[in-house]
């Protein structure tokens, strides 16, 4: 059973590589690329959004990890001022 799955995965991988390698040969040679003027601002927004998302994720992870490092044991009572 494992060999059949591994063989299937290998077959699909080889087929994908062959199709990707043959794609330029099958494409028409006369291709014209056009980028809309708004494409640059869209790409900028995507990059800024990704960077901000990573920053927020790191901030949340840092707070959790710092909280675990600095958390005091609940068994040790804190001294009370009396």
N, C-alpha and C. Protein backbone atom coordinates (compact mmCIF):
# COMPACT_ATOMS: atom_id res chain seq x y z
N UNK A 1 0.83 -1.19 0.00
CA UNK A 1 0.00 0.00 0.00
C UNK A 1 0.87 1.25 0.00
N UNK A 2 1.93 1.28 0.85
CA UNK A 2 2.80 2.43 0.93
C UNK A 2 3.54 2.64 -0.39
N UNK A 3 3.93 1.52 -1.03
CA UNK A 3 4.66 1.63 -2.29
C UNK A 3 3.76 2.21 -3.38
N UNK A 4 2.50 1.85 -3.37
CA UNK A 4 1.57 2.35 -4.37
C UNK A 4 1.38 3.86 -4.21
N UNK A 5 1.26 4.33 -2.97
CA UNK A 5 1.09 5.76 -2.71
C UNK A 5 2.36 6.52 -3.10
N UNK A 6 3.52 5.96 -2.74
CA UNK A 6 4.78 6.61 -3.08
C UNK A 6 4.96 6.67 -4.60
N UNK A 7 4.59 5.61 -5.30
CA UNK A 7 4.70 5.58 -6.75
C UNK A 7 3.76 6.60 -7.38
N UNK A 8 2.56 6.74 -6.83
CA UNK A 8 1.60 7.72 -7.35
C UNK A 8 2.11 9.14 -7.15
N UNK A 9 2.66 9.41 -5.98
CA UNK A 9 3.20 10.75 -5.71
C UNK A 9 4.37 11.04 -6.63
N UNK A 10 5.24 10.06 -6.84
CA UNK A 10 6.37 10.23 -7.74
C UNK A 10 5.90 10.48 -9.16
N UNK A 11 4.89 9.74 -9.60
CA UNK A 11 4.35 9.91 -10.95
C UNK A 11 3.78 11.31 -11.14
N UNK A 12 3.01 11.78 -10.18
CA UNK A 12 2.41 13.11 -10.28
C UNK A 12 3.51 14.18 -10.28
N UNK A 13 4.53 14.00 -9.47
CA UNK A 13 5.64 14.96 -9.44
C UNK A 13 6.39 15.02 -10.76
N UNK A 14 6.70 13.85 -11.33
CA UNK A 14 7.39 13.81 -12.62
C UNK A 14 6.51 14.40 -13.71
N UNK A 15 5.24 14.10 -13.69
CA UNK A 15 4.32 14.64 -14.69
C UNK A 15 4.25 16.16 -14.59
N UNK A 16 4.21 16.70 -13.37
CA UNK A 16 4.18 18.14 -13.20
C UNK A 16 5.45 18.80 -13.72
N UNK A 17 6.60 18.19 -13.46
CA UNK A 17 7.87 18.73 -13.95
C UNK A 17 7.91 18.72 -15.47
N UNK A 18 7.45 17.63 -16.08
CA UNK A 18 7.45 17.54 -17.54
C UNK A 18 6.52 18.59 -18.14
N UNK A 19 5.34 18.76 -17.56
CA UNK A 19 4.40 19.74 -18.09
C UNK A 19 4.92 21.17 -17.91
N UNK A 20 5.55 21.44 -16.79
CA UNK A 20 6.10 22.78 -16.57
C UNK A 20 7.27 23.05 -17.51
N UNK A 21 8.06 22.03 -17.81
CA UNK A 21 9.18 22.21 -18.73
C UNK A 21 8.69 22.39 -20.16
N UNK A 22 7.58 21.74 -20.50
CA UNK A 22 7.06 21.82 -21.87
C UNK A 22 6.17 23.02 -22.08
N UNK A 23 5.76 23.71 -21.03
CA UNK A 23 4.83 24.83 -21.16
C UNK A 23 5.36 25.95 -22.05
N UNK A 24 6.61 26.37 -21.93
CA UNK A 24 7.07 27.43 -22.83
C UNK A 24 7.05 27.02 -24.30
N UNK A 25 7.30 25.77 -24.58
CA UNK A 25 7.29 25.31 -25.97
C UNK A 25 5.88 25.29 -26.54
N UNK A 26 4.89 25.06 -25.69
CA UNK A 26 3.51 25.01 -26.16
C UNK A 26 2.88 26.39 -26.26
N UNK A 27 3.48 27.38 -25.60
CA UNK A 27 2.91 28.73 -25.60
C UNK A 27 3.16 29.41 -26.93
N UNK A 28 2.29 30.33 -27.27
CA UNK A 28 2.48 31.06 -28.51
C UNK A 28 3.67 32.00 -28.35
N UNK A 29 4.50 32.15 -29.37
CA UNK A 29 5.70 32.96 -29.24
C UNK A 29 5.43 34.46 -29.15
N UNK A 30 4.30 34.92 -29.67
CA UNK A 30 4.02 36.36 -29.67
C UNK A 30 3.14 36.71 -28.48
N UNK A 31 3.76 36.97 -27.34
CA UNK A 31 3.02 37.37 -26.15
C UNK A 31 3.39 38.79 -25.81
N UNK A 32 2.40 39.57 -25.48
CA UNK A 32 2.62 40.95 -25.10
C UNK A 32 2.15 41.12 -23.66
N UNK A 33 3.03 41.62 -22.81
CA UNK A 33 2.69 41.81 -21.41
C UNK A 33 2.28 43.26 -21.20
N UNK A 34 1.24 43.46 -20.42
CA UNK A 34 0.78 44.81 -20.11
C UNK A 34 0.51 44.89 -18.62
N UNK A 35 1.10 45.85 -17.98
CA UNK A 35 0.84 46.08 -16.57
C UNK A 35 0.03 47.36 -16.43
N UNK A 36 -1.09 47.23 -15.78
CA UNK A 36 -1.95 48.38 -15.53
C UNK A 36 -1.24 49.37 -14.61
N UNK A 37 -1.50 50.65 -14.71
CA UNK A 37 -0.84 51.62 -13.83
C UNK A 37 -1.10 51.37 -12.34
N UNK A 38 -2.21 50.74 -12.00
CA UNK A 38 -2.52 50.47 -10.60
C UNK A 38 -1.81 49.24 -10.06
N UNK A 39 -1.10 48.51 -10.91
CA UNK A 39 -0.44 47.28 -10.47
C UNK A 39 0.65 47.57 -9.46
N UNK A 40 1.40 48.64 -9.65
CA UNK A 40 2.48 48.97 -8.71
C UNK A 40 1.95 49.28 -7.34
N UNK A 41 0.88 50.05 -7.27
CA UNK A 41 0.33 50.39 -5.95
C UNK A 41 -0.28 49.15 -5.29
N UNK A 42 -0.86 48.26 -6.09
CA UNK A 42 -1.40 47.02 -5.54
C UNK A 42 -0.28 46.16 -4.96
N UNK A 43 0.82 46.02 -5.69
CA UNK A 43 1.95 45.24 -5.20
C UNK A 43 2.51 45.85 -3.92
N UNK A 44 2.58 47.18 -3.88
CA UNK A 44 3.06 47.87 -2.68
C UNK A 44 2.15 47.56 -1.49
N UNK A 45 0.84 47.59 -1.71
CA UNK A 45 -0.11 47.30 -0.63
C UNK A 45 0.02 45.87 -0.14
N UNK A 46 0.25 44.95 -1.05
CA UNK A 46 0.41 43.54 -0.66
C UNK A 46 1.66 43.37 0.19
N UNK A 47 2.77 44.01 -0.21
CA UNK A 47 4.02 43.89 0.53
C UNK A 47 3.87 44.52 1.92
N UNK A 48 3.29 45.72 1.98
CA UNK A 48 3.11 46.39 3.27
C UNK A 48 2.18 45.58 4.17
N UNK A 49 1.10 45.04 3.63
CA UNK A 49 0.19 44.22 4.41
C UNK A 49 0.86 42.96 4.95
N UNK A 50 1.68 42.33 4.12
CA UNK A 50 2.39 41.13 4.57
C UNK A 50 3.37 41.47 5.69
N UNK A 51 4.10 42.57 5.53
CA UNK A 51 5.05 42.97 6.57
C UNK A 51 4.34 43.31 7.88
N UNK A 52 3.23 44.01 7.79
CA UNK A 52 2.48 44.33 9.01
C UNK A 52 1.90 43.08 9.66
N UNK A 53 1.44 42.15 8.85
CA UNK A 53 0.93 40.89 9.40
C UNK A 53 2.01 40.12 10.13
N UNK A 54 3.20 40.07 9.56
CA UNK A 54 4.32 39.40 10.22
C UNK A 54 4.68 40.12 11.51
N UNK A 55 4.67 41.46 11.48
CA UNK A 55 5.01 42.23 12.68
C UNK A 55 4.02 41.96 13.81
N UNK A 56 2.74 41.92 13.50
CA UNK A 56 1.72 41.65 14.53
C UNK A 56 1.87 40.23 15.06
N UNK A 57 2.14 39.29 14.19
CA UNK A 57 2.32 37.90 14.64
C UNK A 57 3.52 37.77 15.57
N UNK A 58 4.63 38.42 15.20
CA UNK A 58 5.82 38.37 16.05
C UNK A 58 5.53 39.03 17.40
N UNK A 59 4.81 40.14 17.39
CA UNK A 59 4.49 40.83 18.64
C UNK A 59 3.65 39.93 19.57
N UNK A 60 2.65 39.27 19.01
CA UNK A 60 1.81 38.39 19.82
C UNK A 60 2.60 37.20 20.35
N UNK A 61 3.43 36.62 19.49
CA UNK A 61 4.24 35.48 19.93
C UNK A 61 5.23 35.91 21.01
N UNK A 62 5.82 37.10 20.85
CA UNK A 62 6.78 37.60 21.83
C UNK A 62 6.10 37.79 23.19
N UNK A 63 4.90 38.35 23.20
CA UNK A 63 4.19 38.56 24.47
C UNK A 63 3.90 37.23 25.15
N UNK A 64 3.49 36.23 24.38
CA UNK A 64 3.21 34.92 24.97
C UNK A 64 4.46 34.29 25.53
N UNK A 65 5.55 34.32 24.76
CA UNK A 65 6.79 33.69 25.21
C UNK A 65 7.35 34.44 26.41
N UNK A 66 7.33 35.76 26.40
CA UNK A 66 7.83 36.54 27.53
C UNK A 66 6.98 36.29 28.77
N UNK A 67 5.67 36.14 28.56
CA UNK A 67 4.79 35.83 29.69
C UNK A 67 5.09 34.49 30.31
N UNK A 68 5.44 33.51 29.51
CA UNK A 68 5.79 32.19 30.05
C UNK A 68 7.12 32.22 30.77
N UNK A 69 8.05 33.01 30.26
CA UNK A 69 9.37 33.08 30.89
C UNK A 69 9.29 33.80 32.23
N UNK A 70 8.51 34.87 32.30
CA UNK A 70 8.48 35.68 33.52
C UNK A 70 7.37 35.28 34.49
N UNK A 71 6.56 34.31 34.14
CA UNK A 71 5.46 33.91 35.02
C UNK A 71 6.02 33.29 36.30
N UNK A 72 5.50 33.73 37.41
CA UNK A 72 5.94 33.18 38.69
C UNK A 72 5.12 31.94 38.99
N UNK A 73 5.69 31.08 39.75
CA UNK A 73 5.00 29.86 40.14
C UNK A 73 3.86 30.20 41.07
N UNK A 74 2.74 29.54 40.88
CA UNK A 74 1.58 29.80 41.72
C UNK A 74 1.75 29.17 43.11
N UNK A 75 2.69 28.26 43.25
CA UNK A 75 2.92 27.62 44.54
C UNK A 75 3.68 28.54 45.49
N UNK A 76 4.50 29.41 44.92
CA UNK A 76 5.28 30.33 45.75
C UNK A 76 4.44 31.57 46.04
N UNK A 77 3.98 31.73 47.27
CA UNK A 77 3.19 32.93 47.56
C UNK A 77 4.08 34.18 47.56
N UNK A 78 3.51 35.25 47.10
CA UNK A 78 4.25 36.49 47.08
C UNK A 78 4.23 37.09 48.49
N UNK A 79 5.33 37.70 48.89
CA UNK A 79 5.35 38.29 50.24
C UNK A 79 4.40 39.47 50.31
N UNK A 80 3.66 39.51 51.43
CA UNK A 80 2.69 40.59 51.61
C UNK A 80 3.28 41.63 52.56
N UNK A 81 3.04 42.87 52.27
CA UNK A 81 3.47 43.94 53.17
C UNK A 81 2.43 44.06 54.28
N UNK A 82 2.84 43.80 55.53
CA UNK A 82 1.89 43.94 56.63
C UNK A 82 2.45 44.78 57.74
